[in-house]
N, C-alpha and C. Protein backbone atom coordinates (compact mmCIF):
# COMPACT_ATOMS: atom_id res chain seq x y z
N MET A 1 5.00 133.49 174.22
CA MET A 1 6.16 132.38 173.97
C MET A 1 6.77 132.76 172.37
N HIS A 2 7.85 133.25 172.21
CA HIS A 2 8.39 133.33 170.97
C HIS A 2 9.08 132.15 170.37
N SER A 3 8.83 131.81 169.00
CA SER A 3 9.38 130.77 168.42
C SER A 3 10.42 131.02 167.57
N ASN A 4 11.76 130.58 167.55
CA ASN A 4 12.58 130.74 166.46
C ASN A 4 12.52 130.29 165.12
N THR A 5 11.41 129.44 164.83
CA THR A 5 11.26 128.71 163.73
C THR A 5 10.39 129.67 162.88
N GLN A 6 10.83 129.98 161.75
CA GLN A 6 9.74 130.86 160.89
C GLN A 6 9.89 130.06 159.44
N SER A 7 9.12 130.49 158.80
CA SER A 7 9.02 130.15 157.26
C SER A 7 10.32 130.17 156.54
N GLY A 8 10.84 128.98 155.73
CA GLY A 8 12.09 129.19 155.38
C GLY A 8 13.40 128.82 156.03
N ASP A 9 13.16 128.59 157.36
CA ASP A 9 13.85 128.08 158.04
C ASP A 9 14.21 126.55 158.25
N HIS A 10 13.65 125.74 157.67
CA HIS A 10 13.46 124.41 157.65
C HIS A 10 13.96 124.01 156.32
N LEU A 11 15.39 123.33 156.43
CA LEU A 11 15.78 122.84 155.18
C LEU A 11 15.64 121.20 155.12
N THR A 12 15.44 120.72 153.87
CA THR A 12 15.32 119.19 153.89
C THR A 12 16.02 118.74 152.62
N GLY A 13 16.71 117.42 152.56
CA GLY A 13 17.36 117.15 151.66
C GLY A 13 17.65 115.55 151.63
N LYS A 14 18.73 115.38 151.13
CA LYS A 14 19.24 113.63 151.00
C LYS A 14 20.72 113.53 151.33
N LEU A 15 21.24 113.02 151.92
CA LEU A 15 22.64 112.72 152.48
C LEU A 15 23.08 111.27 151.73
N THR A 16 24.10 111.07 151.39
CA THR A 16 25.02 110.06 151.26
C THR A 16 26.22 110.00 151.87
N LEU A 17 26.49 108.55 152.32
CA LEU A 17 27.52 108.38 153.43
C LEU A 17 28.25 107.24 152.77
N THR A 18 29.42 107.22 152.83
CA THR A 18 30.65 106.02 152.58
C THR A 18 31.42 105.80 153.80
N PHE A 19 31.31 104.54 153.90
CA PHE A 19 31.94 103.99 155.01
C PHE A 19 33.51 103.45 154.61
N LYS A 20 34.33 103.73 155.54
CA LYS A 20 35.74 103.36 155.02
C LYS A 20 35.90 101.63 154.67
N ALA A 21 36.81 101.28 153.91
CA ALA A 21 36.69 100.02 153.50
C ALA A 21 37.04 98.81 154.70
N ASP A 22 37.76 99.55 155.53
CA ASP A 22 38.05 98.47 156.89
C ASP A 22 37.19 98.70 157.89
N LYS A 23 36.27 99.44 157.83
CA LYS A 23 35.24 99.84 158.89
C LYS A 23 33.70 99.85 158.40
N SER A 24 32.95 98.92 158.38
CA SER A 24 31.66 98.75 157.60
C SER A 24 30.76 99.39 158.60
N PHE A 25 29.34 99.53 158.01
CA PHE A 25 28.19 100.01 158.80
C PHE A 25 28.12 98.92 159.62
N SER A 26 28.04 97.76 159.33
CA SER A 26 27.80 96.44 160.54
C SER A 26 28.75 96.63 161.48
N ASP A 27 29.95 96.79 161.23
CA ASP A 27 31.05 96.94 162.07
C ASP A 27 30.65 98.09 163.18
N PHE A 28 30.34 99.46 162.73
CA PHE A 28 29.72 100.29 163.54
C PHE A 28 28.56 99.88 164.52
N CYS A 29 27.64 99.33 163.82
CA CYS A 29 26.54 98.96 164.56
C CYS A 29 26.66 97.92 165.52
N GLU A 30 27.68 96.80 165.35
CA GLU A 30 28.00 95.85 166.11
C GLU A 30 28.41 96.38 167.36
N LYS A 31 29.33 97.27 167.16
CA LYS A 31 30.06 97.95 168.43
C LYS A 31 29.18 98.94 169.09
N HIS A 32 28.08 99.62 168.64
CA HIS A 32 27.59 100.60 169.08
C HIS A 32 26.05 100.47 169.86
N PHE A 33 25.60 99.36 169.19
CA PHE A 33 24.25 99.03 169.48
C PHE A 33 24.24 97.51 170.27
N GLU A 34 23.87 97.51 171.39
CA GLU A 34 23.64 96.41 172.46
C GLU A 34 22.82 95.45 171.64
N ASN A 35 23.02 94.23 171.41
CA ASN A 35 21.95 93.04 170.82
C ASN A 35 22.07 93.13 169.17
N PHE A 36 22.87 94.00 168.77
CA PHE A 36 22.85 93.88 167.32
C PHE A 36 23.93 92.98 167.00
N HIS A 37 23.64 91.74 166.33
CA HIS A 37 24.66 90.68 166.11
C HIS A 37 24.25 90.57 164.40
N PRO A 38 25.47 90.69 163.71
CA PRO A 38 25.37 90.63 162.18
C PRO A 38 24.73 89.36 161.51
N ASP A 39 25.05 88.16 162.38
CA ASP A 39 24.43 86.85 162.00
C ASP A 39 23.08 87.04 162.00
N GLN A 40 22.34 87.68 162.80
CA GLN A 40 20.85 87.98 162.87
C GLN A 40 20.18 89.02 162.21
N PHE A 41 20.98 90.30 162.15
CA PHE A 41 20.58 91.48 161.61
C PHE A 41 21.17 91.67 160.52
N GLU A 42 20.65 92.72 159.70
CA GLU A 42 21.21 93.39 158.52
C GLU A 42 20.96 94.74 158.71
N ALA A 43 21.61 95.74 159.01
CA ALA A 43 21.62 97.21 159.06
C ALA A 43 21.17 97.70 157.77
N VAL A 44 19.85 98.19 157.70
CA VAL A 44 19.43 98.81 156.51
C VAL A 44 19.35 100.37 156.64
N ALA A 45 19.07 100.87 157.74
CA ALA A 45 18.97 102.54 157.54
C ALA A 45 19.49 103.05 159.08
N ILE A 46 19.80 104.26 159.06
CA ILE A 46 20.19 104.63 160.45
C ILE A 46 19.58 106.14 160.39
N ARG A 47 19.02 106.78 161.67
CA ARG A 47 18.58 108.21 161.68
C ARG A 47 19.43 108.64 162.64
N VAL A 48 19.75 109.92 162.41
CA VAL A 48 20.49 110.67 163.49
C VAL A 48 19.57 112.10 163.60
N TYR A 49 19.34 112.02 165.03
CA TYR A 49 18.41 113.35 165.62
C TYR A 49 19.60 113.96 166.44
N GLN A 50 19.51 115.47 166.37
CA GLN A 50 20.53 116.06 166.92
C GLN A 50 19.53 117.41 167.30
N ALA A 51 19.54 117.70 168.66
CA ALA A 51 18.79 118.92 169.21
C ALA A 51 19.40 119.09 170.46
N THR A 52 18.50 118.98 171.68
CA THR A 52 19.20 119.08 172.68
C THR A 52 19.85 117.82 173.41
N GLU A 53 19.66 117.02 172.54
CA GLU A 53 20.34 115.72 172.88
C GLU A 53 20.48 115.10 171.26
N THR A 54 21.48 114.11 171.32
CA THR A 54 21.69 113.26 170.24
C THR A 54 21.06 111.78 170.27
N VAL A 55 19.96 111.32 169.27
CA VAL A 55 19.43 110.16 169.51
C VAL A 55 20.04 109.51 167.85
N ILE A 56 20.51 108.45 168.13
CA ILE A 56 20.61 107.56 166.94
C ILE A 56 19.87 106.36 166.65
N THR A 57 19.12 106.05 165.80
CA THR A 57 18.22 105.09 165.59
C THR A 57 18.70 104.16 164.53
N LEU A 58 18.69 102.94 164.78
CA LEU A 58 19.25 102.00 163.90
C LEU A 58 17.78 101.27 163.47
N TYR A 59 17.95 100.99 162.11
CA TYR A 59 16.76 99.97 161.78
C TYR A 59 17.44 98.64 160.95
N ALA A 60 17.17 97.53 161.65
CA ALA A 60 18.01 96.41 160.96
C ALA A 60 16.84 95.05 160.69
N LEU A 61 17.16 94.76 159.46
CA LEU A 61 16.38 93.54 158.98
C LEU A 61 16.56 92.34 160.06
N ASP A 62 15.28 91.92 160.43
CA ASP A 62 15.80 90.57 161.19
C ASP A 62 15.69 89.57 160.37
N LYS A 63 16.76 88.87 160.04
CA LYS A 63 16.98 87.84 159.26
C LYS A 63 16.20 86.44 159.48
N ASN A 64 15.87 86.48 160.88
CA ASN A 64 15.21 84.95 161.28
C ASN A 64 13.79 85.29 160.93
N LYS A 65 13.03 86.55 160.91
CA LYS A 65 11.71 86.86 160.95
C LYS A 65 11.28 86.82 159.36
N GLN A 66 12.38 86.93 158.45
CA GLN A 66 11.87 87.03 156.92
C GLN A 66 10.87 85.91 156.57
N GLU A 67 11.24 84.88 157.28
CA GLU A 67 10.51 83.52 156.54
C GLU A 67 8.88 83.53 157.50
N GLY A 68 8.83 84.51 158.56
CA GLY A 68 7.50 84.24 159.35
C GLY A 68 6.21 84.81 158.76
N SER A 69 5.13 84.44 159.55
CA SER A 69 4.04 84.86 158.75
C SER A 69 3.25 85.84 159.61
N ASN A 70 3.83 86.34 160.70
CA ASN A 70 3.19 87.42 161.74
C ASN A 70 3.40 88.84 161.48
N PHE A 71 3.77 88.90 160.15
CA PHE A 71 3.84 90.62 159.80
C PHE A 71 3.22 90.65 158.47
N ASN A 72 3.26 91.89 158.09
CA ASN A 72 2.53 92.14 156.59
C ASN A 72 3.69 91.44 155.79
N PRO A 73 3.37 90.74 154.85
CA PRO A 73 4.32 90.24 153.52
C PRO A 73 4.69 91.22 152.85
N ASP A 74 4.14 92.51 152.77
CA ASP A 74 4.43 93.48 151.80
C ASP A 74 5.69 94.17 152.44
N LYS A 75 5.74 94.04 153.82
CA LYS A 75 6.76 95.12 154.57
C LYS A 75 7.80 94.05 154.98
N MET A 76 8.99 94.89 155.25
CA MET A 76 10.37 94.25 155.73
C MET A 76 10.45 94.32 157.21
N PRO A 77 10.47 93.22 157.84
CA PRO A 77 10.58 92.87 159.41
C PRO A 77 11.80 93.60 159.97
N VAL A 78 11.75 94.76 160.43
CA VAL A 78 12.89 95.26 160.98
C VAL A 78 12.64 95.51 162.50
N ARG A 79 14.00 95.57 163.22
CA ARG A 79 13.86 95.90 164.60
C ARG A 79 14.56 97.37 164.64
N LYS A 80 14.02 97.88 165.53
CA LYS A 80 14.64 99.30 165.86
C LYS A 80 15.75 99.39 167.27
N PHE A 81 16.78 99.90 166.80
CA PHE A 81 17.55 99.99 167.98
C PHE A 81 17.64 101.31 168.36
N LYS A 82 17.72 101.94 169.18
CA LYS A 82 17.83 103.54 169.60
C LYS A 82 19.07 103.61 170.71
N SER A 83 19.75 104.73 170.35
CA SER A 83 20.83 105.19 171.71
C SER A 83 20.96 106.67 171.55
N SER A 84 20.83 106.98 173.11
CA SER A 84 21.12 108.41 173.04
C SER A 84 22.61 108.67 173.61
N ALA A 85 23.61 107.28 173.80
CA ALA A 85 24.79 107.34 174.21
C ALA A 85 25.88 107.69 173.06
N ILE A 86 25.53 107.41 172.01
CA ILE A 86 26.46 107.44 170.70
C ILE A 86 26.61 109.06 170.30
N THR A 87 27.45 109.62 170.11
CA THR A 87 27.85 110.81 169.71
C THR A 87 28.22 110.80 168.18
N ILE A 88 27.95 111.99 167.44
CA ILE A 88 28.50 112.13 166.01
C ILE A 88 29.94 111.90 165.80
N ASN A 89 30.93 112.38 166.84
CA ASN A 89 32.19 111.90 166.77
C ASN A 89 32.60 110.51 166.93
N GLU A 90 31.48 109.66 167.33
CA GLU A 90 31.69 108.08 167.28
C GLU A 90 31.51 107.45 165.90
N ILE A 91 30.51 108.44 165.16
CA ILE A 91 30.52 107.77 163.86
C ILE A 91 31.63 108.10 162.56
N MET A 92 32.07 109.51 163.06
CA MET A 92 33.13 109.81 162.18
C MET A 92 34.41 109.15 161.63
N PRO A 93 34.89 108.23 162.64
CA PRO A 93 36.01 107.29 162.31
C PRO A 93 35.92 106.35 161.23
N TYR A 94 34.34 105.88 161.16
CA TYR A 94 33.94 104.72 160.10
C TYR A 94 33.88 105.66 158.80
N VAL A 95 33.66 106.87 158.47
CA VAL A 95 33.43 107.65 157.43
C VAL A 95 34.46 107.85 156.53
N LEU A 96 34.51 107.45 155.25
CA LEU A 96 35.39 107.97 154.43
C LEU A 96 34.65 109.30 153.82
N GLU A 97 33.70 109.26 153.47
CA GLU A 97 33.16 110.74 152.87
C GLU A 97 31.61 110.72 153.23
N PHE A 98 31.04 111.99 153.06
CA PHE A 98 29.67 112.07 152.84
C PHE A 98 29.47 113.26 152.18
N ASN A 99 28.28 113.49 151.81
CA ASN A 99 27.68 114.45 150.74
C ASN A 99 26.43 114.91 151.02
N PHE A 100 25.97 116.00 150.97
CA PHE A 100 24.33 116.37 151.23
C PHE A 100 24.12 117.57 150.69
N THR A 101 22.70 117.46 150.28
CA THR A 101 22.37 118.80 149.65
C THR A 101 20.91 119.09 150.39
N LEU A 102 20.64 120.31 150.83
CA LEU A 102 19.60 120.76 151.54
C LEU A 102 18.74 121.72 150.63
N SER A 103 17.60 121.83 150.74
CA SER A 103 17.00 122.93 150.03
C SER A 103 15.86 123.39 150.94
N SER A 104 15.19 124.51 150.63
CA SER A 104 14.23 125.16 151.29
C SER A 104 12.96 124.36 150.94
N GLY A 105 12.88 123.62 149.72
CA GLY A 105 11.55 122.89 149.72
C GLY A 105 10.72 123.77 148.57
N ASN A 106 10.82 125.06 148.14
CA ASN A 106 10.27 125.76 147.47
C ASN A 106 10.31 125.45 145.93
N TYR A 107 11.40 124.66 145.78
CA TYR A 107 11.62 124.29 144.28
C TYR A 107 12.44 123.07 144.20
N GLU A 108 12.25 122.09 143.28
CA GLU A 108 12.67 120.82 143.48
C GLU A 108 14.08 120.98 142.70
N LEU A 109 15.28 120.32 143.29
CA LEU A 109 16.55 120.45 142.80
C LEU A 109 16.64 119.98 141.49
N GLU A 110 16.00 119.11 141.02
CA GLU A 110 16.03 118.25 139.68
C GLU A 110 15.32 119.33 138.51
N ASP A 111 14.69 120.41 138.97
CA ASP A 111 14.22 121.58 138.08
C ASP A 111 15.11 122.81 137.79
N MET A 112 16.38 122.53 138.57
CA MET A 112 17.19 123.65 138.50
C MET A 112 18.10 123.38 137.33
N GLU A 113 18.86 124.44 136.84
CA GLU A 113 19.71 124.75 135.87
C GLU A 113 20.76 125.45 136.09
N VAL A 114 22.04 125.01 136.35
CA VAL A 114 23.06 125.68 136.83
C VAL A 114 23.63 126.65 135.46
N PHE A 115 23.90 127.74 135.32
CA PHE A 115 24.22 128.66 134.14
C PHE A 115 25.33 129.12 134.37
N ASN A 116 26.02 129.12 135.48
CA ASN A 116 27.64 129.91 135.71
C ASN A 116 28.51 128.69 136.01
N LYS A 117 28.49 127.69 135.15
CA LYS A 117 29.47 126.55 135.22
C LYS A 117 30.70 127.11 134.69
């Protein structure tokens, strides 16, 4: 079996995303994730996995469990909501802008100096 993945083909990085003023992250979550209610949950992170299928995973702070004692007090109690029914196209109407930088990981971006500005 031949693999298409070779050294140097894997890029990692950081992405920032700004939601439109009239369409918040919480609005998106409430519309697209069953049982997400902003009065009980605060959306804190989202993961987008795209391969043969798209899987969107939401991590939301459970406001009702913050005062509880049945979890590690050094950790944040979150609930994981997962959906393979959401497409990337359903996220974009909520987005004002996004920006990301990916690198091969061989060098730290902070260690680079651009000389042809």
